[in-house]
Protein backbone atom coordinates (compact mmCIF):
# COMPACT_ATOMS: atom_id res chain seq x y z
CA UNK A 1 -1.04 12.55 -27.91
CA UNK A 2 1.27 9.90 -26.43
CA UNK A 3 -0.13 6.40 -26.09
CA UNK A 4 0.02 5.01 -22.55
CA UNK A 5 -0.17 1.28 -21.87
CA UNK A 6 -1.21 0.23 -18.38
CA UNK A 7 -0.72 -3.23 -16.91
CA UNK A 8 -3.06 -4.61 -14.27
CA UNK A 9 -1.99 -3.17 -10.88
CA UNK A 10 -3.25 -6.16 -8.91
CA UNK A 11 -4.70 -9.64 -9.27
CA UNK A 12 -8.44 -9.87 -9.23
CA UNK A 13 -11.69 -9.65 -11.13
CA UNK A 14 -12.15 -6.57 -13.28
CA UNK A 15 -15.56 -4.90 -13.49
CA UNK A 16 -16.79 -1.72 -15.14
CA UNK A 17 -16.33 1.36 -13.00
CA UNK A 18 -20.11 1.87 -13.16
CA UNK A 19 -20.43 -1.15 -10.86
CA UNK A 20 -18.14 0.25 -8.15
CA UNK A 21 -20.00 0.49 -4.82
CA UNK A 22 -19.10 4.17 -4.40
CA UNK A 23 -20.85 7.06 -6.18
CA UNK A 24 -17.60 9.02 -6.59
CA UNK A 25 -16.02 6.25 -8.66
CA UNK A 26 -19.19 4.92 -10.33
CA UNK A 27 -20.17 8.48 -11.30
CA UNK A 28 -16.66 9.09 -12.68
CA UNK A 29 -16.29 12.23 -10.57
CA UNK A 30 -12.54 11.51 -10.42
CA UNK A 31 -12.37 10.43 -14.07
CA UNK A 32 -12.61 7.24 -16.06
CA UNK A 33 -11.18 3.93 -14.92
CA UNK A 34 -12.10 0.45 -13.80
CA UNK A 35 -12.81 -1.47 -10.60
CA UNK A 36 -10.97 -4.61 -9.54
CA UNK A 37 -12.15 -7.00 -6.85
CA UNK A 38 -8.74 -8.12 -5.50
CA UNK A 39 -7.77 -11.75 -4.98
CA UNK A 40 -4.28 -10.89 -3.64
CA UNK A 41 -3.09 -8.17 -1.30
CA UNK A 42 -0.42 -6.50 -3.41
CA UNK A 43 -0.64 -3.36 -5.55
CA UNK A 44 1.90 -2.83 -8.35
CA UNK A 45 2.72 0.11 -10.61
CA UNK A 46 0.63 -0.06 -13.82
CA UNK A 47 3.33 1.83 -15.77
CA UNK A 48 6.61 3.67 -15.31
CA UNK A 49 6.21 6.98 -13.53
CA UNK A 50 6.77 9.13 -10.48
CA UNK A 51 4.79 8.74 -7.26
CA UNK A 52 3.26 12.14 -6.64
CA UNK A 53 0.79 11.39 -3.88
CA UNK A 54 0.50 8.95 -1.00
CA UNK A 55 -1.96 9.72 1.82
CA UNK A 56 -1.00 9.02 5.43
CA UNK A 57 -3.59 6.22 5.45
CA UNK A 58 -1.56 4.40 2.75
CA UNK A 59 -4.75 3.21 1.02
CA UNK A 60 -3.95 4.91 -2.30
CA UNK A 61 -1.13 6.18 -4.47
CA UNK A 62 -1.07 8.63 -7.36
CA UNK A 63 1.41 8.07 -10.15
CA UNK A 64 2.39 10.54 -12.88
CA UNK A 65 3.30 8.75 -16.12
CA UNK A 66 5.88 10.04 -18.61
CA UNK A 67 3.09 11.57 -20.73
CA UNK A 68 1.92 13.52 -17.61
CA UNK A 69 -1.22 11.40 -17.14
CA UNK A 70 -2.02 11.10 -13.43
CA UNK A 71 -3.21 7.67 -12.32
CA UNK A 72 -4.97 7.18 -9.00
CA UNK A 73 -4.69 3.66 -7.57
CA UNK A 74 -7.16 3.46 -4.71
CA UNK A 75 -7.54 0.31 -2.61
CA UNK A 76 -11.07 0.00 -1.35
CA UNK A 77 -13.80 2.52 -0.78
CA UNK A 78 -13.97 3.19 2.96
CA UNK A 79 -10.38 2.12 3.63
CA UNK A 80 -9.29 5.65 4.55
CA UNK A 81 -11.06 4.97 7.87
CA UNK A 82 -8.59 2.16 8.59
CA UNK A 83 -5.92 4.87 9.14
CA UNK A 84 -3.23 2.73 7.54
CA UNK A 85 -4.01 -0.43 9.53
CA UNK A 86 -3.37 -3.46 7.35
CA UNK A 87 -1.42 -1.47 4.71
CA UNK A 88 2.34 -1.56 4.15
CA UNK A 89 3.93 0.97 1.83
CA UNK A 90 7.00 -0.26 -0.10
CA UNK A 91 7.91 3.02 -1.86
CA UNK A 92 8.23 6.70 -0.99
CA UNK A 93 6.52 9.71 -2.52
CA UNK A 94 8.64 11.36 -5.20
CA UNK A 95 10.29 8.11 -6.25
CA UNK A 96 10.35 6.95 -9.88
CA UNK A 97 8.94 3.43 -10.25
CA UNK A 98 8.73 0.93 -13.09
CA UNK A 99 5.72 -1.00 -14.39
CA UNK A 100 5.10 -4.06 -12.21
CA UNK A 101 7.04 -2.71 -9.21
CA UNK A 102 5.47 -3.42 -5.81
CA UNK A 103 3.94 -0.24 -4.37
CA UNK A 104 2.03 -1.47 -1.35
CA UNK A 105 0.66 -4.57 0.25
CA UNK A 106 -2.54 -4.83 2.21
CA UNK A 107 -4.45 -7.29 4.31
CA UNK A 108 -7.47 -8.44 2.31
CA UNK A 109 -9.59 -8.92 5.45
CA UNK A 110 -9.85 -5.32 6.73
CA UNK A 111 -9.60 -3.79 3.26
CA UNK A 112 -12.32 -6.10 1.93
CA UNK A 113 -14.54 -5.51 4.93
CA UNK A 114 -14.21 -1.76 4.41
CA UNK A 115 -15.07 -1.88 0.74
CA UNK A 116 -14.64 -4.98 -1.32
CA UNK A 117 -13.01 -3.34 -4.34
CA UNK A 118 -10.01 -1.44 -5.52
CA UNK A 119 -10.41 1.27 -8.12
CA UNK A 120 -7.96 2.68 -10.62
CA UNK A 121 -8.35 5.62 -12.89
CA UNK A 122 -6.03 7.05 -15.53
């Protein structure tokens, strides 16, 4: 098994995934991870990899690391309902990115009002 090191994808306060305000994340239905209450509106790549999924709403990205681990970076809980409002994508699906590279920026006001947390899962 290849070891994968992840760096924090955004600035904020980390909490156990169990404390996420959404049953899907708290119940680990999508896998293990952590929740981050963001203090800045930028999301960065947690490792090198290829972007394999970006929804039209731009509220999440999925990254495939070199060891084939798929990492979902999801900003907010109900942010899909914002239909992309307040989100700006800085990369395209299929692109290879490096750890720390800016993936998307978002307005904390609407994203926070919709959910209050960002979740990440390896």
